[in-house]
């Protein structure tokens, strides 16, 4: 009994490994041109979106800790000590947030360049 169950488990694992290795290779070979065509576009759009999000972080339009504290206060109906400390030492964060602006502008420049190059390489 034990031998048959372990053999079935071994066969399942071999089939799983084959599916996870051979099937993606066949799929990529068949649609390689599509991957090569869409990868630069996906990379450019991803960089543009990440640049916009980083600039939102800089201008405090999207502050994840503030959102977390608001949700926490909504569910517990009291102010936490972390929120108090965050408000107290916010000036340190303001100095660090300049990095968000720089990284956001850099990501948007690279993404814009890749998008520009993708459009003119494929459609002009």
C-alpha atoms as a PDB file:
ATOM      1  CA  UNK A   1       0.000   0.000   0.000  1.00  0.00           C
ATOM      2  CA  UNK A   2       2.693   2.455   1.025  1.00  0.00           C
ATOM      3  CA  UNK A   3       4.755   1.791  -2.096  1.00  0.00           C
ATOM      4  CA  UNK A   4       1.888   2.490  -4.490  1.00  0.00           C
ATOM      5  CA  UNK A   5       1.008   5.763  -2.777  1.00  0.00           C
ATOM      6  CA  UNK A   6       4.582   7.001  -2.839  1.00  0.00           C
ATOM      7  CA  UNK A   7       4.932   5.981  -6.499  1.00  0.00           C
ATOM      8  CA  UNK A   8       1.739   7.924  -7.350  1.00  0.00           C
ATOM      9  CA  UNK A   9       3.107  10.937  -5.499  1.00  0.00           C
ATOM     10  CA  UNK A  10       6.401  10.627  -7.424  1.00  0.00           C
ATOM     11  CA  UNK A  11       4.533  10.475 -10.740  1.00  0.00           C
ATOM     12  CA  UNK A  12       2.514  13.563  -9.752  1.00  0.00           C
ATOM     13  CA  UNK A  13       5.692  15.471  -8.946  1.00  0.00           C
ATOM     14  CA  UNK A  14       7.348  14.461 -12.230  1.00  0.00           C
ATOM     15  CA  UNK A  15       4.277  15.587 -14.188  1.00  0.00           C
ATOM     16  CA  UNK A  16       4.202  18.869 -12.254  1.00  0.00           C
ATOM     17  CA  UNK A  17       7.887  19.537 -12.969  1.00  0.00           C
ATOM     18  CA  UNK A  18       7.388  18.759 -16.661  1.00  0.00           C
ATOM     19  CA  UNK A  19       4.379  21.071 -16.814  1.00  0.00           C
ATOM     20  CA  UNK A  20       6.252  23.869 -15.064  1.00  0.00           C
ATOM     21  CA  UNK A  21       9.296  23.612 -17.352  1.00  0.00           C
ATOM     22  CA  UNK A  22       8.297  22.321 -20.792  1.00  0.00           C
ATOM     23  CA  UNK A  23       4.898  23.982 -21.203  1.00  0.00           C
ATOM     24  CA  UNK A  24       6.211  27.538 -20.583  1.00  0.00           C
ATOM     25  CA  UNK A  25       9.107  26.907 -22.997  1.00  0.00           C
ATOM     26  CA  UNK A  26       6.696  25.777 -25.730  1.00  0.00           C
ATOM     27  CA  UNK A  27       4.433  28.754 -25.026  1.00  0.00           C
ATOM     28  CA  UNK A  28       7.330  31.233 -25.125  1.00  0.00           C
ATOM     29  CA  UNK A  29       8.701  29.721 -28.354  1.00  0.00           C
ATOM     30  CA  UNK A  30       5.323  29.981 -30.014  1.00  0.00           C
ATOM     31  CA  UNK A  31       4.635  33.545 -28.891  1.00  0.00           C
ATOM     32  CA  UNK A  32       8.233  34.835 -28.781  1.00  0.00           C
ATOM     33  CA  UNK A  33       7.555  37.663 -31.223  1.00  0.00           C
ATOM     34  CA  UNK A  34       4.651  38.841 -29.080  1.00  0.00           C
ATOM     35  CA  UNK A  35       6.818  38.805 -25.943  1.00  0.00           C
ATOM     36  CA  UNK A  36       9.606  40.721 -27.674  1.00  0.00           C
ATOM     37  CA  UNK A  37       7.068  43.230 -28.973  1.00  0.00           C
ATOM     38  CA  UNK A  38       5.189  43.795 -25.712  1.00  0.00           C
ATOM     39  CA  UNK A  39       8.037  43.662 -23.161  1.00  0.00           C
ATOM     40  CA  UNK A  40       9.401  47.175 -23.892  1.00  0.00           C
ATOM     41  CA  UNK A  41       5.871  48.581 -23.810  1.00  0.00           C
ATOM     42  CA  UNK A  42       5.126  46.893 -20.485  1.00  0.00           C
ATOM     43  CA  UNK A  43       8.431  48.116 -19.043  1.00  0.00           C
ATOM     44  CA  UNK A  44       7.803  51.687 -20.185  1.00  0.00           C
ATOM     45  CA  UNK A  45       4.277  51.757 -18.768  1.00  0.00           C
ATOM     46  CA  UNK A  46       5.468  50.227 -15.495  1.00  0.00           C
ATOM     47  CA  UNK A  47       8.188  52.865 -15.147  1.00  0.00           C
ATOM     48  CA  UNK A  48       5.754  55.682 -15.910  1.00  0.00           C
ATOM     49  CA  UNK A  49       3.266  54.425 -13.329  1.00  0.00           C
ATOM     50  CA  UNK A  50       5.954  53.929 -10.678  1.00  0.00           C
ATOM     51  CA  UNK A  51       7.275  57.429 -11.360  1.00  0.00           C
ATOM     52  CA  UNK A  52       3.818  58.922 -10.876  1.00  0.00           C
ATOM     53  CA  UNK A  53       3.359  56.965  -7.623  1.00  0.00           C
ATOM     54  CA  UNK A  54       6.740  58.140  -6.302  1.00  0.00           C
ATOM     55  CA  UNK A  55       5.885  61.768  -7.102  1.00  0.00           C
ATOM     56  CA  UNK A  56       2.564  61.268  -5.289  1.00  0.00           C
ATOM     57  CA  UNK A  57       4.586  60.112  -2.279  1.00  0.00           C
ATOM     58  CA  UNK A  58       6.641  63.298  -2.464  1.00  0.00           C
ATOM     59  CA  UNK A  59       3.646  65.626  -2.540  1.00  0.00           C
ATOM     60  CA  UNK A  60       1.981  63.660   0.298  1.00  0.00           C
ATOM     61  CA  UNK A  61      -0.964  62.816  -1.929  1.00  0.00           C
ATOM     62  CA  UNK A  62      -0.359  59.149  -1.219  1.00  0.00           C
ATOM     63  CA  UNK A  63       1.026  58.605   2.267  1.00  0.00           C
ATOM     64  CA  UNK A  64       0.693  54.954   3.188  1.00  0.00           C
ATOM     65  CA  UNK A  65       1.459  55.433   6.866  1.00  0.00           C
ATOM     66  CA  UNK A  66      -1.154  58.176   7.149  1.00  0.00           C
ATOM     67  CA  UNK A  67      -3.713  55.902   5.428  1.00  0.00           C
ATOM     68  CA  UNK A  68      -2.761  53.080   7.815  1.00  0.00           C
ATOM     69  CA  UNK A  69      -3.201  55.348  10.833  1.00  0.00           C
ATOM     70  CA  UNK A  70      -6.587  56.581   9.598  1.00  0.00           C
ATOM     71  CA  UNK A  71      -7.805  53.009   9.080  1.00  0.00           C
ATOM     72  CA  UNK A  72      -6.461  51.990  12.479  1.00  0.00           C
ATOM     73  CA  UNK A  73      -8.225  54.919  14.169  1.00  0.00           C
ATOM     74  CA  UNK A  74     -11.426  54.095  12.284  1.00  0.00           C
ATOM     75  CA  UNK A  75     -11.444  50.502  13.505  1.00  0.00           C
ATOM     76  CA  UNK A  76     -10.133  51.038  17.066  1.00  0.00           C
ATOM     77  CA  UNK A  77     -11.521  54.583  17.611  1.00  0.00           C
ATOM     78  CA  UNK A  78      -8.388  55.793  19.412  1.00  0.00           C
ATOM     79  CA  UNK A  79      -5.092  57.431  18.464  1.00  0.00           C
ATOM     80  CA  UNK A  80      -2.055  55.168  18.563  1.00  0.00           C
ATOM     81  CA  UNK A  81       1.349  56.035  19.974  1.00  0.00           C
ATOM     82  CA  UNK A  82       2.873  55.390  16.520  1.00  0.00           C
ATOM     83  CA  UNK A  83       0.665  58.084  15.009  1.00  0.00           C
ATOM     84  CA  UNK A  84       1.728  60.524  17.731  1.00  0.00           C
ATOM     85  CA  UNK A  85       5.413  59.787  17.137  1.00  0.00           C
ATOM     86  CA  UNK A  86       4.911  60.001  13.372  1.00  0.00           C
ATOM     87  CA  UNK A  87       3.392  63.483  13.703  1.00  0.00           C
ATOM     88  CA  UNK A  88       6.142  64.547  16.076  1.00  0.00           C
ATOM     89  CA  UNK A  89       9.044  63.517  13.840  1.00  0.00           C
ATOM     90  CA  UNK A  90       7.463  64.343  10.487  1.00  0.00           C
ATOM     91  CA  UNK A  91      10.194  66.888   9.685  1.00  0.00           C
ATOM     92  CA  UNK A  92      12.748  64.068   9.358  1.00  0.00           C
ATOM     93  CA  UNK A  93      10.489  62.375   6.813  1.00  0.00           C
ATOM     94  CA  UNK A  94      10.138  65.602   4.841  1.00  0.00           C
ATOM     95  CA  UNK A  95      13.891  65.663   4.285  1.00  0.00           C
ATOM     96  CA  UNK A  96      13.883  62.034   3.165  1.00  0.00           C
ATOM     97  CA  UNK A  97      10.941  62.555   0.813  1.00  0.00           C
ATOM     98  CA  UNK A  98      13.110  64.467  -1.672  1.00  0.00           C
ATOM     99  CA  UNK A  99      14.419  61.055  -2.716  1.00  0.00           C
ATOM    100  CA  UNK A 100      10.884  60.123  -3.794  1.00  0.00           C
ATOM    101  CA  UNK A 101      10.746  63.153  -6.085  1.00  0.00           C
ATOM    102  CA  UNK A 102      14.136  62.385  -7.625  1.00  0.00           C
ATOM    103  CA  UNK A 103      13.356  58.691  -8.144  1.00  0.00           C
ATOM    104  CA  UNK A 104       9.917  59.525  -9.528  1.00  0.00           C
ATOM    105  CA  UNK A 105      11.285  61.991 -12.074  1.00  0.00           C
ATOM    106  CA  UNK A 106      14.037  59.547 -13.054  1.00  0.00           C
ATOM    107  CA  UNK A 107      11.577  56.659 -13.480  1.00  0.00           C
ATOM    108  CA  UNK A 108       9.232  58.821 -15.557  1.00  0.00           C
ATOM    109  CA  UNK A 109      12.115  60.012 -17.766  1.00  0.00           C
ATOM    110  CA  UNK A 110      13.307  56.454 -18.431  1.00  0.00           C
ATOM    111  CA  UNK A 111       9.732  55.206 -18.964  1.00  0.00           C
ATOM    112  CA  UNK A 112       8.936  58.099 -21.304  1.00  0.00           C
ATOM    113  CA  UNK A 113      12.095  57.450 -23.296  1.00  0.00           C
ATOM    114  CA  UNK A 114      11.290  53.740 -23.621  1.00  0.00           C
ATOM    115  CA  UNK A 115       7.694  54.481 -24.615  1.00  0.00           C
ATOM    116  CA  UNK A 116       8.857  57.072 -27.180  1.00  0.00           C
ATOM    117  CA  UNK A 117      11.389  54.604 -28.602  1.00  0.00           C
ATOM    118  CA  UNK A 118       8.810  51.793 -28.677  1.00  0.00           C
ATOM    119  CA  UNK A 119       6.274  53.917 -30.566  1.00  0.00           C
ATOM    120  CA  UNK A 120       8.744  55.199 -33.146  1.00  0.00           C
ATOM    121  CA  UNK A 121      10.414  51.839 -33.644  1.00  0.00           C
ATOM    122  CA  UNK A 122       7.175  49.964 -34.253  1.00  0.00           C
ATOM    123  CA  UNK A 123       4.763  52.494 -35.724  1.00  0.00           C
ATOM    124  CA  UNK A 124       6.806  55.091 -37.606  1.00  0.00           C
END
